Amino acid sequence: MRHLQLRVEFGAAGLGEDPRDVTMTVQHPVGQQYPQLADRLGSAVREATGEPVAVSVDFEERSRSNPPTSVDDSQ
């Protein structure tokens, strides 16, 4: 899995009492799933900051071919 982007949004009033929205975009191999990732990240951020946050995770699947190990492998 690879981190692509992190976005934090605040309410219209700025740093108030409302929960902050944190969105993380990650890239992962096709077929891999991380169903608890948003909950785990939310717990870690709340513990580290003491602030209420709502974490969303956007997933992008990535599939990549393996490069040939020699010229003969590409034929």
PDB file of N, CA and C in Angstrom:
ATOM      1  N   MET A   1       0.848  -1.156   0.000  1.00  0.00           N
ATOM      2  CA  MET A   1       0.000   0.000   0.000  1.00  0.00           C
ATOM      3  C   MET A   1       0.901   1.229   0.000  1.00  0.00           C
ATOM      4  N   ARG A   2       0.457   2.257  -0.722  1.00  0.00           N
ATOM      5  CA  ARG A   2       1.244   3.479  -0.838  1.00  0.00           C
ATOM      6  C   ARG A   2       0.358   4.701  -0.593  1.00  0.00           C
ATOM      7  N   HIS A   3       0.815   5.609   0.237  1.00  0.00           N
ATOM      8  CA  HIS A   3       0.094   6.850   0.531  1.00  0.00           C
ATOM      9  C   HIS A   3       0.212   7.776  -0.678  1.00  0.00           C
ATOM     10  N   LEU A   4      -0.913   8.318  -1.152  1.00  0.00           N
ATOM     11  CA  LEU A   4      -0.897   9.241  -2.281  1.00  0.00           C
ATOM     12  C   LEU A   4      -1.209  10.674  -1.893  1.00  0.00           C
ATOM     13  N   GLN A   5      -2.163  10.856  -0.964  1.00  0.00           N
ATOM     14  CA  GLN A   5      -2.597  12.211  -0.634  1.00  0.00           C
ATOM     15  C   GLN A   5      -3.216  12.230   0.758  1.00  0.00           C
ATOM     16  N   LEU A   6      -3.067  13.357   1.441  1.00  0.00           N
ATOM     17  CA  LEU A   6      -3.722  13.570   2.733  1.00  0.00           C
ATOM     18  C   LEU A   6      -4.378  14.941   2.690  1.00  0.00           C
ATOM     19  N   ARG A   7      -5.651  14.987   3.055  1.00  0.00           N
ATOM     20  CA  ARG A   7      -6.393  16.246   3.030  1.00  0.00           C
ATOM     21  C   ARG A   7      -7.106  16.406   4.363  1.00  0.00           C
ATOM     22  N   VAL A   8      -7.023  17.595   4.965  1.00  0.00           N
ATOM     23  CA  VAL A   8      -7.715  17.891   6.221  1.00  0.00           C
ATOM     24  C   VAL A   8      -8.632  19.078   5.967  1.00  0.00           C
ATOM     25  N   GLU A   9      -9.903  18.937   6.373  1.00  0.00           N
ATOM     26  CA  GLU A   9     -10.875  20.014   6.182  1.00  0.00           C
ATOM     27  C   GLU A   9     -11.395  20.469   7.537  1.00  0.00           C
ATOM     28  N   PHE A  10     -11.547  21.781   7.676  1.00  0.00           N
ATOM     29  CA  PHE A  10     -12.079  22.382   8.891  1.00  0.00           C
ATOM     30  C   PHE A  10     -13.445  22.972   8.588  1.00  0.00           C
ATOM     31  N   GLY A  11     -14.259  23.162   9.611  1.00  0.00           N
ATOM     32  CA  GLY A  11     -15.561  23.788   9.439  1.00  0.00           C
ATOM     33  C   GLY A  11     -15.415  25.233   9.006  1.00  0.00           C
ATOM     34  N   ALA A  12     -16.522  25.860   8.671  1.00  0.00           N
ATOM     35  CA  ALA A  12     -16.510  27.241   8.184  1.00  0.00           C
ATOM     36  C   ALA A  12     -15.911  28.201   9.206  1.00  0.00           C
ATOM     37  N   ALA A  13     -16.058  27.892  10.477  1.00  0.00           N
ATOM     38  CA  ALA A  13     -15.542  28.772  11.524  1.00  0.00           C
ATOM     39  C   ALA A  13     -14.067  28.513  11.830  1.00  0.00           C
ATOM     40  N   GLY A  14     -13.459  27.565  11.146  1.00  0.00           N
ATOM     41  CA  GLY A  14     -12.042  27.280  11.394  1.00  0.00           C
ATOM     42  C   GLY A  14     -11.872  26.216  12.453  1.00  0.00           C
ATOM     43  N   LEU A  15     -10.983  26.454  13.387  1.00  0.00           N
ATOM     44  CA  LEU A  15     -10.684  25.475  14.436  1.00  0.00           C
ATOM     45  C   LEU A  15     -11.675  25.601  15.589  1.00  0.00           C
ATOM     46  N   GLY A  16     -12.847  25.049  15.417  1.00  0.00           N
ATOM     47  CA  GLY A  16     -13.863  25.079  16.467  1.00  0.00           C
ATOM     48  C   GLY A  16     -13.960  23.736  17.143  1.00  0.00           C
ATOM     49  N   GLU A  17     -15.109  23.455  17.666  1.00  0.00           N
ATOM     50  CA  GLU A  17     -15.351  22.201  18.374  1.00  0.00           C
ATOM     51  C   GLU A  17     -15.800  21.076  17.441  1.00  0.00           C
ATOM     52  N   ASP A  18     -16.142  21.413  16.209  1.00  0.00           N
ATOM     53  CA  ASP A  18     -16.615  20.397  15.275  1.00  0.00           C
ATOM     54  C   ASP A  18     -15.486  19.440  14.897  1.00  0.00           C
ATOM     55  N   PRO A  19     -15.848  18.191  14.611  1.00  0.00           N
ATOM     56  CA  PRO A  19     -14.818  17.235  14.178  1.00  0.00           C
ATOM     57  C   PRO A  19     -14.158  17.690  12.883  1.00  0.00           C
ATOM     58  N   ARG A  20     -12.896  17.413  12.783  1.00  0.00           N
ATOM     59  CA  ARG A  20     -12.165  17.696  11.556  1.00  0.00           C
ATOM     60  C   ARG A  20     -12.358  16.507  10.625  1.00  0.00           C
ATOM     61  N   ASP A  21     -12.445  16.782   9.330  1.00  0.00           N
ATOM     62  CA  ASP A  21     -12.537  15.717   8.335  1.00  0.00           C
ATOM     63  C   ASP A  21     -11.154  15.495   7.747  1.00  0.00           C
ATOM     64  N   VAL A  22     -10.661  14.278   7.885  1.00  0.00           N
ATOM     65  CA  VAL A  22      -9.365  13.898   7.351  1.00  0.00           C
ATOM     66  C   VAL A  22      -9.611  12.847   6.276  1.00  0.00           C
ATOM     67  N   THR A  23      -9.099  13.096   5.074  1.00  0.00           N
ATOM     68  CA  THR A  23      -9.232  12.133   3.981  1.00  0.00           C
ATOM     69  C   THR A  23      -7.850  11.737   3.510  1.00  0.00           C
ATOM     70  N   MET A  24      -7.600  10.447   3.477  1.00  0.00           N
ATOM     71  CA  MET A  24      -6.319   9.926   2.999  1.00  0.00           C
ATOM     72  C   MET A  24      -6.590   9.096   1.751  1.00  0.00           C
ATOM     73  N   THR A  25      -5.796   9.311   0.729  1.00  0.00           N
ATOM     74  CA  THR A  25      -5.890   8.510  -0.490  1.00  0.00           C
ATOM     75  C   THR A  25      -4.685   7.591  -0.534  1.00  0.00           C
ATOM     76  N   VAL A  26      -4.955   6.289  -0.703  1.00  0.00           N
ATOM     77  CA  VAL A  26      -3.883   5.302  -0.755  1.00  0.00           C
ATOM     78  C   VAL A  26      -4.041   4.441  -1.996  1.00  0.00           C
ATOM     79  N   GLN A  27      -2.935   3.923  -2.445  1.00  0.00           N
ATOM     80  CA  GLN A  27      -2.907   3.024  -3.590  1.00  0.00           C
ATOM     81  C   GLN A  27      -2.541   1.644  -3.077  1.00  0.00           C
ATOM     82  N   HIS A  28      -3.240   0.618  -3.565  1.00  0.00           N
ATOM     83  CA  HIS A  28      -2.980  -0.736  -3.087  1.00  0.00           C
ATOM     84  C   HIS A  28      -3.064  -1.721  -4.237  1.00  0.00           C
ATOM     85  N   PRO A  29      -2.432  -2.876  -4.097  1.00  0.00           N
ATOM     86  CA  PRO A  29      -2.493  -3.898  -5.141  1.00  0.00           C
ATOM     87  C   PRO A  29      -3.914  -4.418  -5.323  1.00  0.00           C
ATOM     88  N   VAL A  30      -4.255  -4.793  -6.543  1.00  0.00           N
ATOM     89  CA  VAL A  30      -5.559  -5.373  -6.843  1.00  0.00           C
ATOM     90  C   VAL A  30      -5.777  -6.602  -5.957  1.00  0.00           C
ATOM     91  N   GLY A  31      -6.954  -6.701  -5.385  1.00  0.00           N
ATOM     92  CA  GLY A  31      -7.298  -7.858  -4.557  1.00  0.00           C
ATOM     93  C   GLY A  31      -6.991  -7.696  -3.081  1.00  0.00           C
ATOM     94  N   GLN A  32      -6.212  -6.704  -2.700  1.00  0.00           N
ATOM     95  CA  GLN A  32      -5.917  -6.461  -1.286  1.00  0.00           C
ATOM     96  C   GLN A  32      -6.995  -5.537  -0.713  1.00  0.00           C
ATOM     97  N   GLN A  33      -7.450  -5.838   0.477  1.00  0.00           N
ATOM     98  CA  GLN A  33      -8.457  -5.004   1.116  1.00  0.00           C
ATOM     99  C   GLN A  33      -8.012  -4.627   2.525  1.00  0.00           C
ATOM    100  N   TYR A  34      -8.420  -3.452   2.945  1.00  0.00           N
ATOM    101  CA  TYR A  34      -8.062  -2.933   4.263  1.00  0.00           C
ATOM    102  C   TYR A  34      -9.324  -2.349   4.905  1.00  0.00           C
ATOM    103  N   PRO A  35     -10.286  -3.202   5.293  1.00  0.00           N
ATOM    104  CA  PRO A  35     -11.590  -2.715   5.746  1.00  0.00           C
ATOM    105  C   PRO A  35     -11.560  -1.907   7.043  1.00  0.00           C
ATOM    106  N   GLN A  36     -10.585  -2.075   7.882  1.00  0.00           N
ATOM    107  CA  GLN A  36     -10.528  -1.362   9.168  1.00  0.00           C
ATOM    108  C   GLN A  36      -9.572  -0.174   9.149  1.00  0.00           C
ATOM    109  N   LEU A  37      -9.023   0.162   7.997  1.00  0.00           N
ATOM    110  CA  LEU A  37      -7.991   1.199   7.944  1.00  0.00           C
ATOM    111  C   LEU A  37      -8.494   2.560   8.428  1.00  0.00           C
ATOM    112  N   ALA A  38      -9.670   2.998   8.002  1.00  0.00           N
ATOM    113  CA  ALA A  38     -10.186   4.309   8.426  1.00  0.00           C
ATOM    114  C   ALA A  38     -10.367   4.356   9.945  1.00  0.00           C
ATOM    115  N   ASP A  39     -10.907   3.293  10.526  1.00  0.00           N
ATOM    116  CA  ASP A  39     -11.087   3.254  11.985  1.00  0.00           C
ATOM    117  C   ASP A  39      -9.747   3.287  12.714  1.00  0.00           C
ATOM    118  N   ARG A  40      -8.781   2.531  12.208  1.00  0.00           N
ATOM    119  CA  ARG A  40      -7.466   2.501  12.856  1.00  0.00           C
ATOM    120  C   ARG A  40      -6.764   3.849  12.759  1.00  0.00           C
ATOM    121  N   LEU A  41      -6.846   4.497  11.587  1.00  0.00           N
ATOM    122  CA  LEU A  41      -6.233   5.820  11.431  1.00  0.00           C
ATOM    123  C   LEU A  41      -6.942   6.847  12.308  1.00  0.00           C
ATOM    124  N   GLY A  42      -8.273   6.786  12.358  1.00  0.00           N
ATOM    125  CA  GLY A  42      -9.026   7.725  13.195  1.00  0.00           C
ATOM    126  C   GLY A  42      -8.651   7.603  14.656  1.00  0.00           C
ATOM    127  N   SER A  43      -8.532   6.374  15.139  1.00  0.00           N
ATOM    128  CA  SER A  43      -8.132   6.160  16.536  1.00  0.00           C
ATOM    129  C   SER A  43      -6.732   6.699  16.796  1.00  0.00           C
ATOM    130  N   ALA A  44      -5.818   6.475  15.871  1.00  0.00           N
ATOM    131  CA  ALA A  44      -4.437   6.953  16.046  1.00  0.00           C
ATOM    132  C   ALA A  44      -4.375   8.479  16.051  1.00  0.00           C
ATOM    133  N   VAL A  45      -5.125   9.130  15.160  1.00  0.00           N
ATOM    134  CA  VAL A  45      -5.120  10.601  15.104  1.00  0.00           C
ATOM    135  C   VAL A  45      -5.749  11.176  16.371  1.00  0.00           C
ATOM    136  N   ARG A  46      -6.890  10.609  16.809  1.00  0.00           N
ATOM    137  CA  ARG A  46      -7.531  11.104  18.037  1.00  0.00           C
ATOM    138  C   ARG A  46      -6.622  10.941  19.248  1.00  0.00           C
ATOM    139  N   GLU A  47      -5.933   9.802  19.326  1.00  0.00           N
ATOM    140  CA  GLU A  47      -5.026   9.570  20.448  1.00  0.00           C
ATOM    141  C   GLU A  47      -3.845  10.538  20.429  1.00  0.00           C
ATOM    142  N   ALA A  48      -3.315  10.801  19.249  1.00  0.00           N
ATOM    143  CA  ALA A  48      -2.136  11.679  19.138  1.00  0.00           C
ATOM    144  C   ALA A  48      -2.481  13.146  19.348  1.00  0.00           C
ATOM    145  N   THR A  49      -3.691  13.569  18.938  1.00  0.00           N
ATOM    146  CA  THR A  49      -4.027  14.995  18.983  1.00  0.00           C
ATOM    147  C   THR A  49      -5.000  15.363  20.092  1.00  0.00           C
ATOM    148  N   GLY A  50      -5.757  14.373  20.570  1.00  0.00           N
ATOM    149  CA  GLY A  50      -6.793  14.677  21.550  1.00  0.00           C
ATOM    150  C   GLY A  50      -7.962  15.426  20.944  1.00  0.00           C
ATOM    151  N   GLU A  51      -8.066  15.439  19.626  1.00  0.00           N
ATOM    152  CA  GLU A  51      -9.115  16.168  18.916  1.00  0.00           C
ATOM    153  C   GLU A  51     -10.075  15.196  18.239  1.00  0.00           C
ATOM    154  N   PRO A  52     -11.344  15.588  18.104  1.00  0.00           N
ATOM    155  CA  PRO A  52     -12.293  14.748  17.375  1.00  0.00           C
ATOM    156  C   PRO A  52     -12.019  14.822  15.873  1.00  0.00           C
ATOM    157  N   VAL A  53     -11.912  13.693  15.232  1.00  0.00           N
ATOM    158  CA  VAL A  53     -11.689  13.652  13.788  1.00  0.00           C
ATOM    159  C   VAL A  53     -12.590  12.590  13.162  1.00  0.00           C
ATOM    160  N   ALA A  54     -12.939  12.822  11.922  1.00  0.00           N
ATOM    161  CA  ALA A  54     -13.650  11.835  11.114  1.00  0.00           C
ATOM    162  C   ALA A  54     -12.714  11.496   9.956  1.00  0.00           C
ATOM    163  N   VAL A  55     -12.286  10.249   9.873  1.00  0.00           N
ATOM    164  CA  VAL A  55     -11.309   9.842   8.862  1.00  0.00           C
ATOM    165  C   VAL A  55     -11.994   9.062   7.750  1.00  0.00           C
ATOM    166  N   SER A  56     -11.709   9.447   6.517  1.00  0.00           N
ATOM    167  CA  SER A  56     -12.146   8.717   5.331  1.00  0.00           C
ATOM    168  C   SER A  56     -10.911   8.258   4.586  1.00  0.00           C
ATOM    169  N   VAL A  57     -10.988   7.084   3.991  1.00  0.00           N
ATOM    170  CA  VAL A  57      -9.884   6.573   3.186  1.00  0.00           C
ATOM    171  C   VAL A  57     -10.413   6.295   1.789  1.00  0.00           C
ATOM    172  N   ASP A  58      -9.792   6.913   0.791  1.00  0.00           N
ATOM    173  CA  ASP A  58     -10.094   6.638  -0.612  1.00  0.00           C
ATOM    174  C   ASP A  58      -9.043   5.666  -1.117  1.00  0.00           C
ATOM    175  N   PHE A  59      -9.492   4.586  -1.725  1.00  0.00           N
ATOM    176  CA  PHE A  59      -8.584   3.556  -2.218  1.00  0.00           C
ATOM    177  C   PHE A  59      -8.489   3.613  -3.737  1.00  0.00           C
ATOM    178  N   GLU A  60      -7.286   3.471  -4.251  1.00  0.00           N
ATOM    179  CA  GLU A  60      -7.047   3.320  -5.683  1.00  0.00           C
ATOM    180  C   GLU A  60      -6.335   1.992  -5.882  1.00  0.00           C
ATOM    181  N   GLU A  61      -6.893   1.145  -6.735  1.00  0.00           N
ATOM    182  CA  GLU A  61      -6.229  -0.122  -7.035  1.00  0.00           C
ATOM    183  C   GLU A  61      -5.156   0.105  -8.090  1.00  0.00           C
ATOM    184  N   ARG A  62      -4.096  -0.663  -7.985  1.00  0.00           N
ATOM    185  CA  ARG A  62      -3.010  -0.547  -8.949  1.00  0.00           C
ATOM    186  C   ARG A  62      -2.583  -1.940  -9.364  1.00  0.00           C
ATOM    187  N   SER A  63      -2.484  -2.122 -10.651  1.00  0.00           N
ATOM    188  CA  SER A  63      -1.992  -3.373 -11.211  1.00  0.00           C
ATOM    189  C   SER A  63      -0.810  -3.037 -12.112  1.00  0.00           C
ATOM    190  N   ARG A  64       0.263  -3.787 -11.960  1.00  0.00           N
ATOM    191  CA  ARG A  64       1.480  -3.491 -12.720  1.00  0.00           C
ATOM    192  C   ARG A  64       2.084  -4.796 -13.208  1.00  0.00           C
ATOM    193  N   SER A  65       2.545  -4.785 -14.443  1.00  0.00           N
ATOM    194  CA  SER A  65       3.192  -5.983 -14.971  1.00  0.00           C
ATOM    195  C   SER A  65       4.597  -6.099 -14.399  1.00  0.00           C
ATOM    196  N   ASN A  66       5.114  -7.310 -14.386  1.00  0.00           N
ATOM    197  CA  ASN A  66       6.488  -7.524 -13.964  1.00  0.00           C
ATOM    198  C   ASN A  66       7.411  -7.314 -15.162  1.00  0.00           C
ATOM    199  N   PRO A  67       8.489  -6.568 -14.985  1.00  0.00           N
ATOM    200  CA  PRO A  67       9.413  -6.365 -16.103  1.00  0.00           C
ATOM    201  C   PRO A  67      10.147  -7.665 -16.417  1.00  0.00           C
ATOM    202  N   PRO A  68      10.481  -7.880 -17.687  1.00  0.00           N
ATOM    203  CA  PRO A  68      11.239  -9.094 -18.044  1.00  0.00           C
ATOM    204  C   PRO A  68      12.615  -9.062 -17.362  1.00  0.00           C
ATOM    205  N   THR A  69      13.089 -10.237 -16.976  1.00  0.00           N
ATOM    206  CA  THR A  69      14.403 -10.320 -16.337  1.00  0.00           C
ATOM    207  C   THR A  69      15.539 -10.349 -17.349  1.00  0.00           C
ATOM    208  N   SER A  70      15.206 -10.667 -18.608  1.00  0.00           N
ATOM    209  CA  SER A  70      16.204 -10.642 -19.679  1.00  0.00           C
ATOM    210  C   SER A  70      15.487 -10.381 -20.997  1.00  0.00           C
ATOM    211  N   VAL A  71      16.242 -10.130 -22.035  1.00  0.00           N
ATOM    212  CA  VAL A  71      15.663  -9.864 -23.347  1.00  0.00           C
ATOM    213  C   VAL A  71      14.850 -11.069 -23.823  1.00  0.00           C
ATOM    214  N   ASP A  72      15.299 -12.288 -23.539  1.00  0.00           N
ATOM    215  CA  ASP A  72      14.599 -13.490 -23.979  1.00  0.00           C
ATOM    216  C   ASP A  72      13.215 -13.624 -23.339  1.00  0.00           C
ATOM    217  N   ASP A  73      13.038 -13.093 -22.114  1.00  0.00           N
ATOM    218  CA  ASP A  73      11.757 -13.197 -21.413  1.00  0.00           C
ATOM    219  C   ASP A  73      10.670 -12.344 -22.062  1.00  0.00           C
ATOM    220  N   SER A  74      11.048 -11.341 -22.852  1.00  0.00           N
ATOM    221  CA  SER A  74      10.069 -10.439 -23.428  1.00  0.00           C
ATOM    222  C   SER A  74       9.497 -10.958 -24.738  1.00  0.00           C
ATOM    223  N   GLN A  75       9.946 -12.092 -25.214  1.00  0.00           N
ATOM    224  CA  GLN A  75       9.449 -12.620 -26.503  1.00  0.00           C
ATOM    225  C   GLN A  75       8.444 -13.722 -26.296  1.00  0.00           C
TER     226      GLN A  75
END
